[in-house]
Amino acid sequence: MIIAAANPLLPAGYDVIWTIAIVLVASLAVVAMAQLVRAKHVRGTEAAIWMLVMLALPVVGPAAWFAVRPDRRAERALRA
């Protein structure tokens, strides 16, 4: 009796899905942190707290930043 074994060199379907999920979460965190660093009106303690939240909660932290970040009009008003 011959049992067909899966090719160990090819990732299983769940490996591909987990890899995509990790890449998406990491990308979300990197984009949120980059926007935080570039935000001129968020400095000091507030920025440190946001960064800690993003690092401690990799999905919720960046999602919260995108949901409650200050309006860009306020940032433009600071430039003028």
C-alpha atoms as a PDB file:
ATOM      1  CA  MET A   1       0.000   0.000   0.000  1.00  0.00           C
ATOM      2  CA  ILE A   2       1.503   3.322  -1.120  1.00  0.00           C
ATOM      3  CA  ILE A   3       0.560   6.501   0.732  1.00  0.00           C
ATOM      4  CA  ALA A   4       0.937   9.713  -1.215  1.00  0.00           C
ATOM      5  CA  ALA A   5       2.803  12.174   0.964  1.00  0.00           C
ATOM      6  CA  ALA A   6       2.599  15.919   0.554  1.00  0.00           C
ATOM      7  CA  ASN A   7       5.632  17.629  -0.871  1.00  0.00           C
ATOM      8  CA  PRO A   8       7.505  19.083   2.134  1.00  0.00           C
ATOM      9  CA  LEU A   9       9.027  21.800  -0.034  1.00  0.00           C
ATOM     10  CA  LEU A  10       5.650  23.357  -0.851  1.00  0.00           C
ATOM     11  CA  PRO A  11       3.875  25.267   1.901  1.00  0.00           C
ATOM     12  CA  ALA A  12       0.458  24.094   2.967  1.00  0.00           C
ATOM     13  CA  GLY A  13      -2.513  26.365   2.361  1.00  0.00           C
ATOM     14  CA  TYR A  14      -2.670  27.593   5.946  1.00  0.00           C
ATOM     15  CA  ASP A  15       1.016  28.545   5.780  1.00  0.00           C
ATOM     16  CA  VAL A  16       0.284  30.794   2.820  1.00  0.00           C
ATOM     17  CA  ILE A  17      -2.734  32.362   4.539  1.00  0.00           C
ATOM     18  CA  TRP A  18      -0.815  33.011   7.788  1.00  0.00           C
ATOM     19  CA  THR A  19       2.073  34.523   5.845  1.00  0.00           C
ATOM     20  CA  ILE A  20      -0.290  36.894   4.033  1.00  0.00           C
ATOM     21  CA  ALA A  21      -1.973  37.839   7.331  1.00  0.00           C
ATOM     22  CA  ILE A  22       1.380  38.563   9.009  1.00  0.00           C
ATOM     23  CA  VAL A  23       2.570  40.656   6.071  1.00  0.00           C
ATOM     24  CA  LEU A  24      -0.672  42.668   6.110  1.00  0.00           C
ATOM     25  CA  VAL A  25      -0.507  43.281   9.874  1.00  0.00           C
ATOM     26  CA  ALA A  26       3.159  44.261   9.681  1.00  0.00           C
ATOM     27  CA  SER A  27       2.456  46.590   6.746  1.00  0.00           C
ATOM     28  CA  LEU A  28      -0.415  48.226   8.616  1.00  0.00           C
ATOM     29  CA  ALA A  29       1.817  48.797  11.641  1.00  0.00           C
ATOM     30  CA  VAL A  30       4.693  50.202   9.567  1.00  0.00           C
ATOM     31  CA  VAL A  31       2.434  52.623   7.677  1.00  0.00           C
ATOM     32  CA  ALA A  32       0.776  53.804  10.898  1.00  0.00           C
ATOM     33  CA  MET A  33       4.151  54.320  12.608  1.00  0.00           C
ATOM     34  CA  ALA A  34       5.500  56.205   9.596  1.00  0.00           C
ATOM     35  CA  GLN A  35       2.478  58.504   9.643  1.00  0.00           C
ATOM     36  CA  LEU A  36       2.913  59.003  13.382  1.00  0.00           C
ATOM     37  CA  VAL A  37       6.556  60.005  12.937  1.00  0.00           C
ATOM     38  CA  ARG A  38       5.641  62.407  10.137  1.00  0.00           C
ATOM     39  CA  ALA A  39       2.748  64.002  12.060  1.00  0.00           C
ATOM     40  CA  LYS A  40       4.104  67.355  13.163  1.00  0.00           C
ATOM     41  CA  HIS A  41       1.344  67.990  15.717  1.00  0.00           C
ATOM     42  CA  VAL A  42       1.919  64.717  17.630  1.00  0.00           C
ATOM     43  CA  ARG A  43       5.155  64.969  19.598  1.00  0.00           C
ATOM     44  CA  GLY A  44       6.747  63.956  22.869  1.00  0.00           C
ATOM     45  CA  THR A  45       4.759  61.897  25.324  1.00  0.00           C
ATOM     46  CA  GLU A  46       1.729  61.593  23.060  1.00  0.00           C
ATOM     47  CA  ALA A  47       3.838  60.144  20.235  1.00  0.00           C
ATOM     48  CA  ALA A  48       5.571  57.745  22.643  1.00  0.00           C
ATOM     49  CA  ILE A  49       2.239  56.505  23.934  1.00  0.00           C
ATOM     50  CA  TRP A  50       0.924  55.993  20.409  1.00  0.00           C
ATOM     51  CA  MET A  51       4.090  54.111  19.457  1.00  0.00           C
ATOM     52  CA  LEU A  52       3.794  51.844  22.517  1.00  0.00           C
ATOM     53  CA  VAL A  53       0.139  51.141  21.728  1.00  0.00           C
ATOM     54  CA  MET A  54       1.026  50.264  18.128  1.00  0.00           C
ATOM     55  CA  LEU A  55       3.824  47.943  19.237  1.00  0.00           C
ATOM     56  CA  ALA A  56       1.865  46.298  22.057  1.00  0.00           C
ATOM     57  CA  LEU A  57      -1.332  45.814  20.049  1.00  0.00           C
ATOM     58  CA  PRO A  58      -0.208  45.239  16.450  1.00  0.00           C
ATOM     59  CA  VAL A  59      -3.711  45.141  14.958  1.00  0.00           C
ATOM     60  CA  VAL A  60      -5.727  47.327  17.318  1.00  0.00           C
ATOM     61  CA  GLY A  61      -3.046  50.015  17.756  1.00  0.00           C
ATOM     62  CA  PRO A  62      -2.607  50.967  14.086  1.00  0.00           C
ATOM     63  CA  ALA A  63      -6.350  50.610  13.490  1.00  0.00           C
ATOM     64  CA  ALA A  64      -6.967  53.019  16.378  1.00  0.00           C
ATOM     65  CA  TRP A  65      -4.443  55.470  14.921  1.00  0.00           C
ATOM     66  CA  PHE A  66      -6.238  55.450  11.563  1.00  0.00           C
ATOM     67  CA  ALA A  67      -9.619  55.793  13.280  1.00  0.00           C
ATOM     68  CA  VAL A  68      -8.836  58.666  15.682  1.00  0.00           C
ATOM     69  CA  ARG A  69      -5.813  60.419  14.218  1.00  0.00           C
ATOM     70  CA  PRO A  70      -6.203  64.174  14.066  1.00  0.00           C
ATOM     71  CA  ASP A  71      -7.659  65.652  10.930  1.00  0.00           C
ATOM     72  CA  ARG A  72      -5.199  66.590   8.190  1.00  0.00           C
ATOM     73  CA  ARG A  73      -6.784  70.034   7.976  1.00  0.00           C
ATOM     74  CA  ALA A  74      -5.430  70.746  11.447  1.00  0.00           C
ATOM     75  CA  GLU A  75      -1.964  69.762  10.250  1.00  0.00           C
ATOM     76  CA  ARG A  76      -2.273  72.057   7.214  1.00  0.00           C
ATOM     77  CA  ALA A  77      -3.387  74.921   9.453  1.00  0.00           C
ATOM     78  CA  LEU A  78      -0.220  74.473  11.500  1.00  0.00           C
ATOM     79  CA  ARG A  79       1.923  74.816   8.368  1.00  0.00           C
ATOM     80  CA  ALA A  80       0.265  78.071   7.284  1.00  0.00           C
END
